[in-house]
C-alpha cells in the first residue's frame, strides 16, 4: 500500500499516515486541529513485513484500512500530558493561595 506521511506542527513527533485514497482535507476536524499545519515528510510502500521506527506496522495498516489514516503520537506524549497537568495544578494552587 502506498502511504503518504505528513508532519504536524503542533507537537514534535506527531505524524499522520494517509493511504493513497485519502486527502488531508477529508480528515475529521479534531484530527486536523491536533495536527496544526502539515508538512509532507515522505512517501513509502507499506507492507506487513516492513518495519517502522516508532509504530507497529500491523496497527498502522489496520487503521489505514479501517479509517484511511493513522496518527502517530509523540513518543513522550504521556510525559507532555503530565507536565501540562502539573502546570494546571500548580497554577490553580498559586491562585488558591492568593484567594
N, C-alpha and C. Protein backbone atom coordinates (compact mmCIF):
# COMPACT_ATOMS: atom_id res chain seq x y z
N UNK A 1 0.84 -1.18 0.00
CA UNK A 1 0.00 0.00 0.00
C UNK A 1 0.89 1.24 0.00
N UNK A 2 0.58 2.16 -0.88
CA UNK A 2 1.31 3.43 -0.93
C UNK A 2 0.77 4.33 0.18
N UNK A 3 1.70 4.85 0.99
CA UNK A 3 1.32 5.66 2.15
C UNK A 3 2.08 6.98 2.10
N UNK A 4 1.35 8.06 2.39
CA UNK A 4 1.94 9.39 2.46
C UNK A 4 1.98 9.81 3.92
N UNK A 5 3.11 10.30 4.36
CA UNK A 5 3.28 10.68 5.76
C UNK A 5 3.53 12.19 5.84
N UNK A 6 2.77 12.83 6.72
CA UNK A 6 2.87 14.28 6.92
C UNK A 6 3.23 14.55 8.38
N UNK A 7 4.03 15.56 8.59
CA UNK A 7 4.43 16.00 9.92
C UNK A 7 3.48 17.09 10.38
N UNK A 8 3.01 17.00 11.61
CA UNK A 8 2.16 18.04 12.18
C UNK A 8 3.00 19.09 12.88
N UNK A 9 2.51 20.32 12.92
CA UNK A 9 3.28 21.42 13.52
C UNK A 9 3.00 21.63 15.01
N UNK A 10 1.94 21.06 15.52
CA UNK A 10 1.54 21.33 16.91
C UNK A 10 2.40 20.62 17.94
N UNK A 11 2.83 19.40 17.64
CA UNK A 11 3.63 18.62 18.59
C UNK A 11 4.78 17.96 17.86
N UNK A 12 5.96 18.07 18.42
CA UNK A 12 7.13 17.38 17.87
C UNK A 12 6.86 15.88 17.90
N UNK A 13 7.06 15.21 16.80
CA UNK A 13 6.87 13.77 16.74
C UNK A 13 5.47 13.32 16.37
N UNK A 14 4.60 14.24 16.03
CA UNK A 14 3.24 13.88 15.62
C UNK A 14 3.18 13.82 14.09
N UNK A 15 2.74 12.67 13.59
CA UNK A 15 2.66 12.44 12.15
C UNK A 15 1.30 11.85 11.81
N UNK A 16 0.89 12.06 10.57
CA UNK A 16 -0.33 11.43 10.06
C UNK A 16 0.06 10.60 8.84
N UNK A 17 -0.39 9.36 8.83
CA UNK A 17 -0.17 8.45 7.71
C UNK A 17 -1.48 8.40 6.92
N UNK A 18 -1.40 8.60 5.63
CA UNK A 18 -2.60 8.54 4.78
C UNK A 18 -2.40 7.51 3.69
N UNK A 19 -3.46 6.74 3.41
CA UNK A 19 -3.33 5.87 2.25
C UNK A 19 -3.54 6.71 1.01
N UNK A 20 -3.24 6.16 -0.12
CA UNK A 20 -3.23 6.95 -1.36
C UNK A 20 -4.60 7.47 -1.75
N UNK A 21 -5.67 6.95 -1.14
CA UNK A 21 -7.02 7.40 -1.50
C UNK A 21 -7.50 8.56 -0.63
N UNK A 22 -6.85 8.78 0.48
CA UNK A 22 -7.29 9.78 1.46
C UNK A 22 -6.59 11.11 1.21
N UNK A 23 -7.26 12.20 1.54
CA UNK A 23 -6.68 13.54 1.43
C UNK A 23 -6.73 14.20 2.80
N UNK A 24 -5.78 15.07 3.04
CA UNK A 24 -5.73 15.77 4.32
C UNK A 24 -7.05 16.48 4.62
N UNK A 25 -7.65 17.08 3.60
CA UNK A 25 -8.88 17.83 3.78
C UNK A 25 -10.05 16.95 4.21
N UNK A 26 -9.94 15.65 4.00
CA UNK A 26 -11.02 14.73 4.34
C UNK A 26 -10.93 14.20 5.77
N UNK A 27 -9.87 14.53 6.47
CA UNK A 27 -9.71 14.06 7.84
C UNK A 27 -10.75 14.70 8.76
N UNK A 28 -11.11 14.02 9.83
CA UNK A 28 -12.04 14.62 10.79
C UNK A 28 -11.45 15.91 11.38
N UNK A 29 -12.30 16.88 11.64
CA UNK A 29 -11.87 18.19 12.14
C UNK A 29 -10.98 18.10 13.39
N UNK A 30 -11.30 17.25 14.37
CA UNK A 30 -10.43 17.18 15.56
C UNK A 30 -9.01 16.72 15.23
N UNK A 31 -8.88 15.84 14.26
CA UNK A 31 -7.54 15.38 13.86
C UNK A 31 -6.78 16.53 13.21
N UNK A 32 -7.44 17.25 12.33
CA UNK A 32 -6.81 18.39 11.66
C UNK A 32 -6.36 19.42 12.70
N UNK A 33 -7.21 19.69 13.70
CA UNK A 33 -6.86 20.65 14.74
C UNK A 33 -5.63 20.21 15.51
N UNK A 34 -5.55 18.93 15.86
CA UNK A 34 -4.41 18.43 16.62
C UNK A 34 -3.12 18.48 15.82
N UNK A 35 -3.22 18.31 14.51
CA UNK A 35 -2.03 18.33 13.66
C UNK A 35 -1.47 19.74 13.48
N UNK A 36 -2.35 20.72 13.37
CA UNK A 36 -1.90 22.07 13.04
C UNK A 36 -1.55 22.11 11.56
N UNK A 37 -0.55 22.87 11.21
CA UNK A 37 -0.08 22.93 9.83
C UNK A 37 0.67 21.65 9.52
N UNK A 38 0.41 21.08 8.34
CA UNK A 38 1.09 19.84 7.97
C UNK A 38 2.15 20.10 6.91
N UNK A 39 3.17 19.27 6.97
CA UNK A 39 4.26 19.34 6.00
C UNK A 39 4.53 17.92 5.52
N UNK A 40 4.59 17.74 4.20
CA UNK A 40 4.87 16.42 3.64
C UNK A 40 6.23 15.94 4.14
N UNK A 41 6.27 14.71 4.67
CA UNK A 41 7.51 14.15 5.18
C UNK A 41 8.08 13.09 4.23
N UNK A 42 7.22 12.14 3.79
CA UNK A 42 7.71 11.10 2.89
C UNK A 42 6.58 10.25 2.33
N UNK A 43 6.93 9.48 1.34
CA UNK A 43 6.03 8.51 0.72
C UNK A 43 6.72 7.16 0.85
N UNK A 44 5.98 6.15 1.30
CA UNK A 44 6.55 4.81 1.42
C UNK A 44 5.57 3.78 0.89
N UNK A 45 6.09 2.62 0.54
CA UNK A 45 5.28 1.47 0.20
C UNK A 45 5.23 0.63 1.47
N UNK A 46 4.06 0.57 2.11
CA UNK A 46 3.93 -0.10 3.39
C UNK A 46 3.33 -1.49 3.21
N UNK A 47 4.07 -2.48 3.65
CA UNK A 47 3.60 -3.87 3.63
C UNK A 47 3.70 -4.41 5.06
N UNK A 48 3.06 -5.53 5.31
CA UNK A 48 3.07 -6.10 6.66
C UNK A 48 4.48 -6.48 7.12
N UNK A 49 5.39 -6.69 6.17
CA UNK A 49 6.76 -7.07 6.51
C UNK A 49 7.69 -5.88 6.75
N UNK A 50 7.24 -4.70 6.41
CA UNK A 50 8.09 -3.52 6.57
C UNK A 50 8.10 -3.07 8.03
N UNK A 51 9.28 -2.81 8.54
CA UNK A 51 9.43 -2.32 9.91
C UNK A 51 9.37 -0.80 9.91
N UNK A 52 8.67 -0.27 10.90
CA UNK A 52 8.61 1.18 11.09
C UNK A 52 9.37 1.52 12.37
N UNK A 53 9.97 2.69 12.39
CA UNK A 53 10.79 3.09 13.52
C UNK A 53 10.02 3.23 14.82
N UNK A 54 8.83 3.80 14.79
CA UNK A 54 8.11 4.11 16.03
C UNK A 54 6.76 3.42 16.15
N UNK A 55 6.25 2.89 15.08
CA UNK A 55 4.89 2.36 15.08
C UNK A 55 4.88 0.86 14.77
N UNK A 56 3.82 0.21 15.24
CA UNK A 56 3.58 -1.18 14.92
C UNK A 56 2.94 -1.22 13.53
N UNK A 57 3.61 -1.85 12.60
CA UNK A 57 3.15 -1.88 11.21
C UNK A 57 1.74 -2.44 11.08
N UNK A 58 1.44 -3.50 11.81
CA UNK A 58 0.10 -4.11 11.73
C UNK A 58 -0.97 -3.11 12.17
N UNK A 59 -0.70 -2.35 13.23
CA UNK A 59 -1.66 -1.34 13.71
C UNK A 59 -1.86 -0.24 12.68
N UNK A 60 -0.77 0.20 12.08
CA UNK A 60 -0.85 1.25 11.06
C UNK A 60 -1.69 0.77 9.88
N UNK A 61 -1.38 -0.42 9.39
CA UNK A 61 -2.13 -0.97 8.25
C UNK A 61 -3.61 -1.14 8.59
N UNK A 62 -3.90 -1.60 9.80
CA UNK A 62 -5.29 -1.77 10.23
C UNK A 62 -6.03 -0.42 10.23
N UNK A 63 -5.40 0.60 10.78
CA UNK A 63 -6.02 1.93 10.81
C UNK A 63 -6.20 2.50 9.42
N UNK A 64 -5.22 2.27 8.55
CA UNK A 64 -5.33 2.76 7.18
C UNK A 64 -6.49 2.08 6.46
N UNK A 65 -6.63 0.78 6.66
CA UNK A 65 -7.73 0.04 6.03
C UNK A 65 -9.09 0.48 6.58
N UNK A 66 -9.14 0.63 7.89
CA UNK A 66 -10.40 0.94 8.58
C UNK A 66 -10.81 2.40 8.44
N UNK A 67 -9.84 3.32 8.58
CA UNK A 67 -10.16 4.75 8.64
C UNK A 67 -9.57 5.59 7.51
N UNK A 68 -8.57 5.02 6.81
CA UNK A 68 -7.90 5.78 5.75
C UNK A 68 -6.74 6.62 6.26
N UNK A 69 -6.51 6.59 7.59
CA UNK A 69 -5.39 7.34 8.17
C UNK A 69 -4.96 6.70 9.49
N UNK A 70 -3.76 7.07 9.91
CA UNK A 70 -3.21 6.64 11.20
C UNK A 70 -2.46 7.82 11.78
N UNK A 71 -2.68 8.12 13.05
CA UNK A 71 -1.98 9.22 13.72
C UNK A 71 -0.88 8.64 14.59
N UNK A 72 0.34 9.12 14.35
CA UNK A 72 1.47 8.75 15.20
C UNK A 72 1.68 9.86 16.22
N UNK A 73 1.51 9.52 17.48
CA UNK A 73 1.69 10.49 18.55
C UNK A 73 3.16 10.55 18.96
N UNK A 74 3.58 11.66 19.56
CA UNK A 74 4.96 11.76 20.03
C UNK A 74 5.27 10.65 21.04
N UNK A 75 6.51 10.18 21.05
CA UNK A 75 6.91 9.12 21.97
C UNK A 75 6.68 9.54 23.41
N UNK A 76 6.92 10.81 23.70
CA UNK A 76 6.83 11.29 25.08
C UNK A 76 5.50 11.98 25.38
N UNK A 77 4.43 11.58 24.69
CA UNK A 77 3.14 12.24 24.87
C UNK A 77 2.64 12.13 26.31
N UNK A 78 2.86 10.98 26.95
CA UNK A 78 2.41 10.83 28.33
C UNK A 78 3.16 11.81 29.25
N UNK A 79 4.44 11.97 29.01
CA UNK A 79 5.23 12.92 29.79
C UNK A 79 4.73 14.35 29.54
N UNK A 80 4.44 14.68 28.30
CA UNK A 80 3.95 16.01 27.96
C UNK A 80 2.60 16.27 28.64
N UNK A 81 1.72 15.27 28.63
CA UNK A 81 0.41 15.42 29.26
C UNK A 81 0.55 15.60 30.77
N UNK A 82 1.48 14.87 31.38
CA UNK A 82 1.70 15.00 32.82
C UNK A 82 2.25 16.39 33.16
N UNK A 83 3.17 16.89 32.34
CA UNK A 83 3.71 18.23 32.55
C UNK A 83 2.61 19.28 32.45
N UNK A 84 1.73 19.13 31.47
CA UNK A 84 0.63 20.07 31.30
C UNK A 84 -0.31 20.01 32.50
N UNK A 85 -0.60 18.80 32.97
CA UNK A 85 -1.47 18.64 34.15
C UNK A 85 -0.82 19.25 35.39
N UNK A 86 0.49 19.04 35.54
CA UNK A 86 1.21 19.61 36.68
C UNK A 86 1.17 21.14 36.64
N UNK A 87 1.30 21.69 35.44
CA UNK A 87 1.25 23.14 35.28
C UNK A 87 -0.11 23.70 35.69
N UNK A 88 -1.16 23.03 35.26
CA UNK A 88 -2.52 23.47 35.60
C UNK A 88 -2.71 23.38 37.11
N UNK A 89 -2.27 22.28 37.72
CA UNK A 89 -2.40 22.10 39.16
C UNK A 89 -1.61 23.16 39.91
N UNK A 90 -0.41 23.43 39.45
CA UNK A 90 0.45 24.44 40.08
C UNK A 90 -0.18 25.83 39.98
N UNK A 91 -0.70 26.16 38.82
CA UNK A 91 -1.34 27.47 38.61
C UNK A 91 -2.57 27.60 39.49
N UNK A 92 -3.36 26.55 39.59
CA UNK A 92 -4.56 26.57 40.43
C UNK A 92 -4.18 26.70 41.90
N UNK A 93 -3.11 26.05 42.31
CA UNK A 93 -2.65 26.11 43.69
C UNK A 93 -2.20 27.52 44.05
N UNK A 94 -1.45 28.16 43.16
CA UNK A 94 -0.99 29.53 43.37
C UNK A 94 -2.18 30.47 43.47
N UNK A 95 -3.16 30.26 42.59
CA UNK A 95 -4.36 31.12 42.60
C UNK A 95 -5.11 30.95 43.91
N UNK A 96 -5.25 29.71 44.38
CA UNK A 96 -5.96 29.45 45.63
C UNK A 96 -5.22 30.06 46.82
N UNK A 97 -3.89 30.05 46.79
CA UNK A 97 -3.10 30.65 47.86
C UNK A 97 -3.31 32.14 47.94
N UNK A 98 -3.54 32.78 46.80
CA UNK A 98 -3.75 34.23 46.75
C UNK A 98 -5.15 34.62 47.26
N UNK A 99 -6.11 33.70 47.09
CA UNK A 99 -7.51 34.00 47.46
C UNK A 99 -7.72 33.95 48.91
